[in-house]
Amino acid sequence: MGDPEVLCGFIRRYEKMLDQRVERLHHALNTQDHEDWMDAVLSLKTSSAMAGAAALSQLAAELQDHLAKRPPDPVRWPVTDCLDSVMAKLRHLAKETARQLQLFLDRLSGGSQPA
């Protein structure tokens, strides 16, 4: 992305949708919807990779692999405590990713972008 405006626009859109992507994963886990889980985790993984959020993309890839190896019928979902731990880790990493991306945008624009 040679144009800084295009890059900044993409990162801003990614950042705005990040919480929605994480919450979609949470919903899919709570409802044990394997198809929605796989779609949501793939969305988080690929969009994070495109935005340069390598750690978040890697975590999403690991989660995808974990449940993808399980046959869809019946899926053996992790226990609730494990799910809570996974979601806490995802939320923490998403928050830190958003913070780092905002710092990047601020540096790129000379600190003139609104938070």
N, C-alpha and C. Protein backbone atom coordinates (compact mmCIF):
# COMPACT_ATOMS: atom_id res chain seq x y z
N MET A 1 0.86 -1.18 0.00
CA MET A 1 0.00 0.00 0.00
C MET A 1 0.90 1.23 0.00
N GLY A 2 1.22 1.72 -1.18
CA GLY A 2 2.10 2.85 -1.31
C GLY A 2 1.52 4.16 -0.82
N ASP A 3 0.21 4.28 -0.84
CA ASP A 3 -0.45 5.51 -0.44
C ASP A 3 -0.75 5.49 1.06
N PRO A 4 -0.14 6.41 1.83
CA PRO A 4 -0.39 6.43 3.28
C PRO A 4 -1.86 6.60 3.65
N GLU A 5 -2.61 7.32 2.84
CA GLU A 5 -4.05 7.50 3.15
C GLU A 5 -4.81 6.18 3.05
N VAL A 6 -4.46 5.37 2.06
CA VAL A 6 -5.09 4.06 1.91
C VAL A 6 -4.73 3.17 3.10
N LEU A 7 -3.46 3.19 3.47
CA LEU A 7 -3.01 2.40 4.62
C LEU A 7 -3.72 2.83 5.90
N CYS A 8 -3.75 4.12 6.14
CA CYS A 8 -4.41 4.64 7.35
C CYS A 8 -5.89 4.29 7.36
N GLY A 9 -6.54 4.41 6.21
CA GLY A 9 -7.97 4.07 6.12
C GLY A 9 -8.22 2.61 6.42
N PHE A 10 -7.36 1.75 5.88
CA PHE A 10 -7.51 0.32 6.15
C PHE A 10 -7.34 0.01 7.63
N ILE A 11 -6.31 0.58 8.23
CA ILE A 11 -6.04 0.32 9.65
C ILE A 11 -7.18 0.84 10.52
N ARG A 12 -7.71 2.00 10.19
CA ARG A 12 -8.83 2.55 10.97
C ARG A 12 -10.06 1.64 10.87
N ARG A 13 -10.35 1.14 9.66
CA ARG A 13 -11.50 0.23 9.50
C ARG A 13 -11.27 -1.07 10.27
N TYR A 14 -10.05 -1.57 10.20
CA TYR A 14 -9.72 -2.79 10.94
C TYR A 14 -9.93 -2.57 12.44
N GLU A 15 -9.41 -1.47 12.92
CA GLU A 15 -9.50 -1.16 14.36
C GLU A 15 -10.96 -1.01 14.79
N LYS A 16 -11.78 -0.36 13.97
CA LYS A 16 -13.20 -0.18 14.31
C LYS A 16 -13.94 -1.51 14.38
N MET A 17 -13.54 -2.47 13.57
CA MET A 17 -14.24 -3.76 13.50
C MET A 17 -13.65 -4.81 14.44
N LEU A 18 -12.53 -4.50 15.07
CA LEU A 18 -11.82 -5.49 15.87
C LEU A 18 -12.68 -6.02 17.02
N ASP A 19 -13.29 -5.16 17.78
CA ASP A 19 -14.13 -5.61 18.90
C ASP A 19 -15.30 -6.47 18.39
N GLN A 20 -15.88 -6.09 17.26
CA GLN A 20 -16.99 -6.86 16.70
C GLN A 20 -16.53 -8.27 16.33
N ARG A 21 -15.33 -8.36 15.76
CA ARG A 21 -14.82 -9.69 15.38
C ARG A 21 -14.59 -10.56 16.62
N VAL A 22 -14.03 -9.97 17.66
CA VAL A 22 -13.79 -10.73 18.89
C VAL A 22 -15.12 -11.14 19.52
N GLU A 23 -16.07 -10.26 19.56
CA GLU A 23 -17.37 -10.58 20.16
C GLU A 23 -18.12 -11.62 19.33
N ARG A 24 -17.92 -11.62 18.03
CA ARG A 24 -18.55 -12.65 17.20
C ARG A 24 -17.98 -14.03 17.57
N LEU A 25 -16.68 -14.08 17.81
CA LEU A 25 -16.08 -15.33 18.27
C LEU A 25 -16.69 -15.77 19.60
N HIS A 26 -16.83 -14.82 20.50
CA HIS A 26 -17.41 -15.12 21.82
C HIS A 26 -18.82 -15.67 21.66
N HIS A 27 -19.60 -15.05 20.82
CA HIS A 27 -20.97 -15.51 20.59
C HIS A 27 -20.97 -16.94 20.02
N ALA A 28 -20.11 -17.18 19.04
CA ALA A 28 -20.04 -18.51 18.43
C ALA A 28 -19.63 -19.56 19.46
N LEU A 29 -18.72 -19.20 20.35
CA LEU A 29 -18.32 -20.12 21.41
C LEU A 29 -19.48 -20.40 22.36
N ASN A 30 -20.16 -19.34 22.77
CA ASN A 30 -21.27 -19.51 23.72
C ASN A 30 -22.41 -20.33 23.14
N THR A 31 -22.66 -20.17 21.84
CA THR A 31 -23.75 -20.92 21.21
C THR A 31 -23.26 -22.22 20.61
N GLN A 32 -21.95 -22.45 20.69
CA GLN A 32 -21.30 -23.63 20.14
C GLN A 32 -21.68 -23.84 18.67
N ASP A 33 -21.57 -22.74 17.93
CA ASP A 33 -21.87 -22.73 16.50
C ASP A 33 -20.54 -22.89 15.74
N HIS A 34 -20.25 -24.11 15.33
CA HIS A 34 -18.97 -24.43 14.70
C HIS A 34 -18.78 -23.65 13.40
N GLU A 35 -19.81 -23.57 12.58
CA GLU A 35 -19.69 -22.86 11.29
C GLU A 35 -19.42 -21.38 11.51
N ASP A 36 -20.15 -20.75 12.41
CA ASP A 36 -19.93 -19.33 12.70
C ASP A 36 -18.56 -19.12 13.33
N TRP A 37 -18.15 -20.04 14.21
CA TRP A 37 -16.82 -19.96 14.83
C TRP A 37 -15.74 -19.96 13.76
N MET A 38 -15.81 -20.91 12.85
CA MET A 38 -14.78 -21.03 11.82
C MET A 38 -14.76 -19.78 10.92
N ASP A 39 -15.93 -19.26 10.58
CA ASP A 39 -16.00 -18.06 9.76
C ASP A 39 -15.43 -16.85 10.51
N ALA A 40 -15.80 -16.73 11.78
CA ALA A 40 -15.35 -15.59 12.58
C ALA A 40 -13.85 -15.64 12.85
N VAL A 41 -13.32 -16.82 13.15
CA VAL A 41 -11.90 -16.92 13.45
C VAL A 41 -11.07 -16.70 12.18
N LEU A 42 -11.57 -17.15 11.03
CA LEU A 42 -10.89 -16.90 9.76
C LEU A 42 -10.88 -15.41 9.45
N SER A 43 -11.98 -14.73 9.70
CA SER A 43 -12.06 -13.28 9.48
C SER A 43 -11.06 -12.54 10.36
N LEU A 44 -10.99 -12.92 11.63
CA LEU A 44 -10.05 -12.28 12.54
C LEU A 44 -8.62 -12.56 12.13
N LYS A 45 -8.34 -13.80 11.77
CA LYS A 45 -6.98 -14.20 11.40
C LYS A 45 -6.50 -13.45 10.16
N THR A 46 -7.30 -13.44 9.10
CA THR A 46 -6.85 -12.82 7.85
C THR A 46 -6.81 -11.30 7.94
N SER A 47 -7.81 -10.70 8.57
CA SER A 47 -7.80 -9.24 8.67
C SER A 47 -6.65 -8.77 9.55
N SER A 48 -6.36 -9.53 10.61
CA SER A 48 -5.24 -9.17 11.49
C SER A 48 -3.91 -9.29 10.75
N ALA A 49 -3.76 -10.33 9.97
CA ALA A 49 -2.53 -10.50 9.18
C ALA A 49 -2.37 -9.34 8.20
N MET A 50 -3.46 -8.95 7.56
CA MET A 50 -3.40 -7.84 6.59
C MET A 50 -3.07 -6.52 7.26
N ALA A 51 -3.49 -6.36 8.52
CA ALA A 51 -3.24 -5.11 9.25
C ALA A 51 -1.88 -5.11 9.94
N GLY A 52 -1.16 -6.22 9.84
CA GLY A 52 0.15 -6.29 10.48
C GLY A 52 0.08 -6.68 11.94
N ALA A 53 -1.06 -7.16 12.38
CA ALA A 53 -1.25 -7.57 13.78
C ALA A 53 -0.89 -9.06 13.89
N ALA A 54 0.40 -9.33 13.82
CA ALA A 54 0.89 -10.71 13.72
C ALA A 54 0.51 -11.57 14.93
N ALA A 55 0.62 -11.04 16.13
CA ALA A 55 0.32 -11.83 17.33
C ALA A 55 -1.15 -12.23 17.37
N LEU A 56 -2.02 -11.31 17.03
CA LEU A 56 -3.46 -11.60 17.03
C LEU A 56 -3.80 -12.59 15.92
N SER A 57 -3.20 -12.42 14.77
CA SER A 57 -3.40 -13.35 13.66
C SER A 57 -2.93 -14.75 14.03
N GLN A 58 -1.79 -14.84 14.70
CA GLN A 58 -1.25 -16.13 15.12
C GLN A 58 -2.16 -16.80 16.13
N LEU A 59 -2.65 -16.05 17.10
CA LEU A 59 -3.56 -16.63 18.09
C LEU A 59 -4.83 -17.13 17.40
N ALA A 60 -5.36 -16.35 16.49
CA ALA A 60 -6.56 -16.79 15.76
C ALA A 60 -6.27 -18.06 14.96
N ALA A 61 -5.09 -18.15 14.36
CA ALA A 61 -4.72 -19.34 13.59
C ALA A 61 -4.65 -20.56 14.51
N GLU A 62 -4.10 -20.38 15.70
CA GLU A 62 -4.02 -21.48 16.65
C GLU A 62 -5.42 -21.94 17.08
N LEU A 63 -6.30 -20.99 17.32
CA LEU A 63 -7.68 -21.33 17.70
C LEU A 63 -8.40 -22.03 16.55
N GLN A 64 -8.16 -21.55 15.34
CA GLN A 64 -8.77 -22.16 14.16
C GLN A 64 -8.30 -23.61 14.03
N ASP A 65 -7.01 -23.83 14.16
CA ASP A 65 -6.47 -25.18 14.06
C ASP A 65 -7.03 -26.09 15.14
N HIS A 66 -7.20 -25.55 16.34
CA HIS A 66 -7.69 -26.34 17.47
C HIS A 66 -9.07 -26.93 17.18
N LEU A 67 -9.98 -26.10 16.69
CA LEU A 67 -11.34 -26.60 16.44
C LEU A 67 -11.51 -27.18 15.05
N ALA A 68 -10.65 -26.80 14.11
CA ALA A 68 -10.76 -27.35 12.76
C ALA A 68 -10.42 -28.83 12.74
N LYS A 69 -9.56 -29.25 13.66
CA LYS A 69 -9.15 -30.65 13.72
C LYS A 69 -10.25 -31.53 14.29
N ARG A 70 -11.22 -30.91 14.88
CA ARG A 70 -12.33 -31.67 15.46
C ARG A 70 -13.41 -31.83 14.39
N PRO A 71 -13.98 -32.99 14.29
CA PRO A 71 -15.06 -33.14 13.30
C PRO A 71 -16.25 -32.26 13.67
N PRO A 72 -16.89 -31.67 12.68
CA PRO A 72 -18.00 -30.77 12.99
C PRO A 72 -19.17 -31.44 13.71
N ASP A 73 -19.32 -32.74 13.60
CA ASP A 73 -20.41 -33.44 14.24
C ASP A 73 -19.91 -34.59 15.06
N PRO A 74 -19.95 -34.63 16.31
CA PRO A 74 -20.18 -33.49 17.20
C PRO A 74 -18.85 -32.82 17.53
N VAL A 75 -18.88 -31.53 17.65
CA VAL A 75 -17.70 -30.78 18.06
C VAL A 75 -17.58 -30.91 19.57
N ARG A 76 -16.39 -31.21 20.03
CA ARG A 76 -16.14 -31.25 21.47
C ARG A 76 -15.54 -29.91 21.86
N TRP A 77 -16.38 -29.03 22.36
CA TRP A 77 -15.96 -27.69 22.72
C TRP A 77 -15.16 -27.72 24.01
N PRO A 78 -14.18 -26.83 24.13
CA PRO A 78 -13.44 -26.75 25.41
C PRO A 78 -14.38 -26.38 26.55
N VAL A 79 -13.98 -26.72 27.76
CA VAL A 79 -14.81 -26.42 28.93
C VAL A 79 -14.91 -24.90 29.13
N THR A 80 -15.91 -24.49 29.86
CA THR A 80 -16.20 -23.07 30.05
C THR A 80 -15.02 -22.27 30.58
N ASP A 81 -14.32 -22.81 31.56
CA ASP A 81 -13.17 -22.09 32.12
C ASP A 81 -12.12 -21.83 31.06
N CYS A 82 -11.89 -22.80 30.21
CA CYS A 82 -10.92 -22.65 29.13
C CYS A 82 -11.41 -21.60 28.14
N LEU A 83 -12.70 -21.62 27.82
CA LEU A 83 -13.26 -20.63 26.89
C LEU A 83 -13.13 -19.21 27.45
N ASP A 84 -13.39 -19.07 28.75
CA ASP A 84 -13.25 -17.77 29.39
C ASP A 84 -11.81 -17.28 29.30
N SER A 85 -10.88 -18.18 29.51
CA SER A 85 -9.46 -17.84 29.43
C SER A 85 -9.07 -17.43 28.01
N VAL A 86 -9.55 -18.17 27.04
CA VAL A 86 -9.26 -17.85 25.63
C VAL A 86 -9.82 -16.48 25.27
N MET A 87 -11.05 -16.22 25.68
CA MET A 87 -11.67 -14.93 25.34
C MET A 87 -10.97 -13.79 26.06
N ALA A 88 -10.54 -14.00 27.29
CA ALA A 88 -9.81 -12.95 28.01
C ALA A 88 -8.50 -12.65 27.30
N LYS A 89 -7.82 -13.69 26.86
CA LYS A 89 -6.57 -13.50 26.13
C LYS A 89 -6.81 -12.77 24.80
N LEU A 90 -7.86 -13.18 24.09
CA LEU A 90 -8.19 -12.52 22.83
C LEU A 90 -8.53 -11.04 23.04
N ARG A 91 -9.34 -10.77 24.03
CA ARG A 91 -9.73 -9.37 24.30
C ARG A 91 -8.52 -8.53 24.68
N HIS A 92 -7.64 -9.07 25.52
CA HIS A 92 -6.45 -8.35 25.93
C HIS A 92 -5.56 -8.06 24.72
N LEU A 93 -5.34 -9.07 23.91
CA LEU A 93 -4.50 -8.90 22.74
C LEU A 93 -5.13 -7.94 21.73
N ALA A 94 -6.43 -8.00 21.56
CA ALA A 94 -7.12 -7.08 20.65
C ALA A 94 -6.99 -5.64 21.14
N LYS A 95 -7.13 -5.44 22.45
CA LYS A 95 -7.00 -4.10 23.02
C LYS A 95 -5.59 -3.56 22.81
N GLU A 96 -4.59 -4.40 23.06
CA GLU A 96 -3.20 -3.98 22.87
C GLU A 96 -2.90 -3.73 21.39
N THR A 97 -3.47 -4.56 20.53
CA THR A 97 -3.30 -4.37 19.08
C THR A 97 -3.87 -3.03 18.66
N ALA A 98 -5.07 -2.72 19.11
CA ALA A 98 -5.69 -1.44 18.77
C ALA A 98 -4.85 -0.27 19.27
N ARG A 99 -4.31 -0.41 20.47
CA ARG A 99 -3.46 0.65 21.03
C ARG A 99 -2.21 0.85 20.18
N GLN A 100 -1.57 -0.24 19.81
CA GLN A 100 -0.36 -0.15 19.00
C GLN A 100 -0.64 0.41 17.61
N LEU A 101 -1.76 0.01 17.03
CA LEU A 101 -2.12 0.54 15.72
C LEU A 101 -2.40 2.04 15.79
N GLN A 102 -3.04 2.47 16.87
CA GLN A 102 -3.30 3.90 17.03
C GLN A 102 -1.99 4.67 17.17
N LEU A 103 -1.04 4.12 17.91
CA LEU A 103 0.28 4.76 18.03
C LEU A 103 0.96 4.84 16.67
N PHE A 104 0.85 3.78 15.89
CA PHE A 104 1.43 3.77 14.54
C PHE A 104 0.80 4.85 13.68
N LEU A 105 -0.53 4.94 13.72
CA LEU A 105 -1.22 5.97 12.93
C LEU A 105 -0.82 7.37 13.38
N ASP A 106 -0.68 7.56 14.68
CA ASP A 106 -0.27 8.85 15.21
C ASP A 106 1.13 9.23 14.71
N ARG A 107 2.05 8.26 14.74
CA ARG A 107 3.41 8.53 14.25
C ARG A 107 3.39 8.81 12.74
N LEU A 108 2.60 8.04 12.02
CA LEU A 108 2.53 8.19 10.57
C LEU A 108 2.00 9.55 10.17
N SER A 109 1.06 10.04 10.94
CA SER A 109 0.43 11.33 10.59
C SER A 109 1.03 12.49 11.38
N GLY A 110 2.06 12.24 12.12
CA GLY A 110 2.67 13.30 12.91
C GLY A 110 1.88 13.67 14.13
N GLY A 111 1.02 12.75 14.60
CA GLY A 111 0.25 12.99 15.82
C GLY A 111 -0.99 13.83 15.63
N SER A 112 -1.41 14.04 14.38
CA SER A 112 -2.55 14.91 14.14
C SER A 112 -3.87 14.19 14.02
N GLN A 113 -3.88 12.85 14.11
CA GLN A 113 -5.12 12.10 13.99
C GLN A 113 -5.87 12.08 15.32
N PRO A 114 -7.20 12.19 15.27
CA PRO A 114 -7.97 12.05 16.51
C PRO A 114 -7.96 10.63 17.00
N ALA A 115 -8.09 10.46 18.31
CA ALA A 115 -8.06 9.10 18.90
C ALA A 115 -9.34 8.37 18.66
